[in-house]
Structure formats: structure tokens, C-alpha cells
N, C-alpha and C. Protein backbone atom coordinates (compact mmCIF):
# COMPACT_ATOMS: atom_id res chain seq x y z
N MET A 1 2.05 -3.49 -6.86
CA MET A 1 2.70 -4.51 -6.32
C MET A 1 1.88 -5.44 -5.75
N ASN A 2 2.14 -6.86 -5.80
CA ASN A 2 1.15 -7.64 -4.97
C ASN A 2 1.85 -8.03 -3.68
N TRP A 3 1.13 -8.75 -2.76
CA TRP A 3 1.76 -9.04 -1.52
C TRP A 3 2.82 -10.17 -1.55
N GLU A 4 2.74 -10.94 -2.60
CA GLU A 4 3.79 -12.07 -2.77
C GLU A 4 5.15 -11.34 -2.88
N GLN A 5 5.12 -10.34 -3.74
CA GLN A 5 6.47 -9.45 -4.08
C GLN A 5 6.78 -8.78 -2.83
N ILE A 6 5.94 -8.26 -2.10
CA ILE A 6 6.25 -7.44 -0.97
C ILE A 6 6.83 -8.47 0.18
N THR A 7 6.17 -9.70 0.37
CA THR A 7 6.71 -10.65 1.20
C THR A 7 8.12 -10.99 0.88
N ALA A 8 8.54 -11.24 -0.50
CA ALA A 8 9.70 -11.74 -1.00
C ALA A 8 10.73 -10.73 -0.51
N ARG A 9 10.46 -9.60 -0.74
CA ARG A 9 11.53 -8.49 -0.60
C ARG A 9 11.12 -7.72 0.71
N TRP A 10 10.70 -8.26 1.82
CA TRP A 10 10.26 -7.39 2.91
C TRP A 10 11.52 -6.69 3.60
N LYS A 11 12.60 -7.19 3.47
CA LYS A 11 13.77 -6.61 4.13
C LYS A 11 14.01 -5.29 3.40
N GLN A 12 13.64 -5.19 2.11
CA GLN A 12 13.88 -3.97 1.24
C GLN A 12 12.69 -2.89 1.68
N TRP A 13 11.45 -3.43 2.03
CA TRP A 13 10.31 -2.66 2.29
C TRP A 13 9.90 -2.12 3.68
N LYS A 14 10.64 -2.95 4.79
CA LYS A 14 10.09 -2.83 5.90
C LYS A 14 10.57 -1.40 6.43
N GLY A 15 11.47 -0.71 5.95
CA GLY A 15 11.82 0.71 6.46
C GLY A 15 10.69 1.71 5.94
N LYS A 16 10.13 1.28 4.82
CA LYS A 16 9.13 2.27 4.37
C LYS A 16 7.78 1.97 5.22
N ALA A 17 7.58 0.71 5.55
CA ALA A 17 6.37 0.41 6.53
C ALA A 17 6.73 1.18 7.82
N LYS A 18 7.80 1.18 8.48
CA LYS A 18 8.16 1.71 9.60
C LYS A 18 7.83 3.28 9.39
N GLN A 19 8.29 3.90 8.33
CA GLN A 19 7.93 5.37 8.09
C GLN A 19 6.52 5.61 8.13
N ARG A 20 5.74 4.75 7.46
CA ARG A 20 4.26 4.84 7.41
C ARG A 20 3.54 4.60 8.86
N TRP A 21 4.02 3.59 9.49
CA TRP A 21 3.32 3.11 10.69
C TRP A 21 4.26 3.21 11.94
N GLY A 22 4.63 4.35 12.35
CA GLY A 22 5.59 4.47 13.29
C GLY A 22 5.41 3.80 14.71
N LYS A 23 4.08 3.37 14.90
CA LYS A 23 3.80 2.75 16.07
C LYS A 23 4.29 1.35 16.12
N LEU A 24 4.83 0.79 15.00
CA LEU A 24 5.24 -0.75 14.86
C LEU A 24 6.74 -0.61 15.10
N THR A 25 7.14 -1.50 15.91
CA THR A 25 8.63 -1.67 16.21
C THR A 25 9.26 -2.49 15.22
N ASP A 26 10.62 -2.16 15.21
CA ASP A 26 11.58 -3.17 14.41
C ASP A 26 11.27 -4.55 14.66
N ASP A 27 11.10 -4.94 16.01
CA ASP A 27 10.69 -6.61 16.18
C ASP A 27 9.41 -6.73 15.53
N ASP A 28 8.47 -6.14 15.64
CA ASP A 28 7.21 -6.22 14.95
C ASP A 28 7.29 -6.57 13.46
N LEU A 29 7.98 -5.67 12.88
CA LEU A 29 8.36 -5.76 11.35
C LEU A 29 9.08 -6.98 11.14
N MET A 30 10.06 -7.35 11.98
CA MET A 30 10.91 -8.60 11.67
C MET A 30 9.93 -9.91 11.81
N THR A 31 9.16 -9.77 12.79
CA THR A 31 8.14 -10.87 13.05
C THR A 31 7.21 -11.07 11.91
N ILE A 32 6.66 -10.06 11.47
CA ILE A 32 5.65 -10.07 10.44
C ILE A 32 6.22 -10.64 9.16
N ALA A 33 7.37 -10.14 8.90
CA ALA A 33 8.18 -10.68 7.76
C ALA A 33 7.16 -10.52 6.37
N GLY A 34 6.41 -9.40 6.28
CA GLY A 34 5.79 -9.09 5.13
C GLY A 34 4.45 -9.80 5.05
N LYS A 35 4.03 -10.54 5.94
CA LYS A 35 2.80 -11.28 5.90
C LYS A 35 1.66 -10.21 6.22
N ARG A 36 0.95 -10.12 5.24
CA ARG A 36 -0.29 -9.09 5.18
C ARG A 36 -1.11 -9.27 6.27
N GLU A 37 -1.76 -10.55 6.54
CA GLU A 37 -2.83 -10.64 7.58
C GLU A 37 -2.21 -10.20 9.11
N GLN A 38 -0.82 -10.73 9.24
CA GLN A 38 -0.27 -10.23 10.57
C GLN A 38 -0.05 -8.65 10.55
N LEU A 39 0.34 -8.15 9.41
CA LEU A 39 0.43 -6.62 9.58
C LEU A 39 -0.87 -5.99 9.63
N ALA A 40 -2.16 -6.52 9.10
CA ALA A 40 -3.35 -6.03 9.23
C ALA A 40 -3.69 -6.15 10.73
N GLY A 41 -3.35 -7.21 11.19
CA GLY A 41 -3.65 -7.38 12.71
C GLY A 41 -2.98 -6.45 13.68
N LEU A 42 -1.76 -6.09 13.41
CA LEU A 42 -1.15 -5.06 14.16
C LEU A 42 -1.51 -3.87 13.92
N LEU A 43 -2.05 -3.33 12.65
CA LEU A 43 -2.63 -2.15 12.46
C LEU A 43 -3.79 -1.83 13.28
N GLN A 44 -4.73 -2.83 13.40
CA GLN A 44 -5.78 -2.92 14.25
C GLN A 44 -5.60 -2.74 15.56
N GLU A 45 -4.62 -3.53 15.92
CA GLU A 45 -4.23 -3.39 17.35
C GLU A 45 -3.73 -2.00 17.76
N ARG A 46 -2.71 -1.49 17.24
CA ARG A 46 -1.87 -0.49 17.41
C ARG A 46 -2.50 0.76 17.13
N TYR A 47 -3.30 0.95 15.92
CA TYR A 47 -4.00 2.14 15.59
C TYR A 47 -5.52 1.99 15.74
N GLY A 48 -6.03 1.02 16.04
CA GLY A 48 -7.53 0.91 16.38
C GLY A 48 -8.37 0.92 15.07
N HIS A 49 -7.70 0.39 14.22
CA HIS A 49 -8.49 0.38 12.79
C HIS A 49 -9.29 -0.81 12.72
N ALA A 50 -10.43 -0.63 12.20
CA ALA A 50 -11.34 -1.80 11.75
C ALA A 50 -10.58 -2.58 10.66
N LYS A 51 -10.99 -3.68 10.39
CA LYS A 51 -10.26 -4.70 9.35
C LYS A 51 -10.36 -4.20 8.10
N ASP A 52 -11.54 -3.42 7.59
CA ASP A 52 -11.62 -2.84 6.41
C ASP A 52 -10.68 -1.72 6.21
N GLU A 53 -10.56 -0.88 7.25
CA GLU A 53 -9.62 0.21 7.17
C GLU A 53 -8.09 -0.28 7.20
N ALA A 54 -7.74 -1.15 7.89
CA ALA A 54 -6.46 -1.84 7.78
C ALA A 54 -6.14 -2.30 6.26
N ASP A 55 -7.15 -3.12 5.81
CA ASP A 55 -7.13 -3.66 4.51
C ASP A 55 -6.78 -2.40 3.33
N LYS A 56 -7.58 -1.31 3.49
CA LYS A 56 -7.45 -0.40 2.77
C LYS A 56 -6.10 0.23 2.85
N GLU A 57 -5.38 0.63 3.93
CA GLU A 57 -4.14 1.09 4.20
C GLU A 57 -3.06 0.18 3.60
N LEU A 58 -3.32 -1.18 3.55
CA LEU A 58 -2.39 -2.04 3.08
C LEU A 58 -2.29 -1.94 1.56
N ASP A 59 -3.54 -1.87 0.85
CA ASP A 59 -3.64 -1.70 -0.39
C ASP A 59 -2.82 -0.67 -0.87
N GLU A 60 -3.18 0.60 -0.17
CA GLU A 60 -2.57 2.01 -0.53
C GLU A 60 -1.02 1.64 -0.48
N PHE A 61 -0.54 1.11 0.56
CA PHE A 61 0.98 0.91 0.71
C PHE A 61 1.55 0.07 -0.55
N ALA A 62 0.68 -0.89 -0.72
CA ALA A 62 1.15 -1.84 -1.94
C ALA A 62 1.16 -0.88 -3.23
N ARG A 63 0.40 0.02 -3.39
CA ARG A 63 0.27 0.89 -4.62
C ARG A 63 1.31 1.84 -4.73
N GLU A 64 1.68 2.40 -3.48
CA GLU A 64 2.87 3.35 -3.40
C GLU A 64 4.21 2.74 -3.45
N LEU A 65 4.48 1.47 -3.27
CA LEU A 65 5.62 0.67 -3.55
C LEU A 65 5.95 0.63 -4.96
N LYS A 66 4.91 0.77 -5.89
CA LYS A 66 4.94 0.49 -7.36
C LYS A 66 5.58 1.62 -8.05
N LYS A 67 5.58 2.92 -7.26
CA LYS A 67 6.22 4.18 -7.84
C LYS A 67 7.61 4.18 -7.71
């Protein structure tokens, strides 16, 4: 699934994001609204990920949503 699709259906997917990244608050997820770069930035901030690591997690998340 690509990020345009994820962003378009963010209300449907934000629960899965919350399960995966429990340090993100509901307010964080509402503010992000599925925007990949903002989500990557929060993963870097909250989990101490490097940009490459955050991008890898987001790619993996997108692949999991296809299942």
C-alpha cells in the first residue's frame, strides 16, 4: 500500500499505528493525519530512531497493511 492510500484512509489505519507505536498519543496520530514525513519525525523523536530506521519501519508498516 502506498502512502497516498494510507493518508486517504488514515482514520481506518491510525489504530494499527497506535498498536505498533504505543508511545504515540491519539493527539499525535490525529495531527499527523497519515503524513509520512511527520510520522517519521515523531518516530525519530519518541523512539530515538535515525531517519533511515524510521523510514524502514514506515515501509514495513505499509507492507503489513496490504495483508
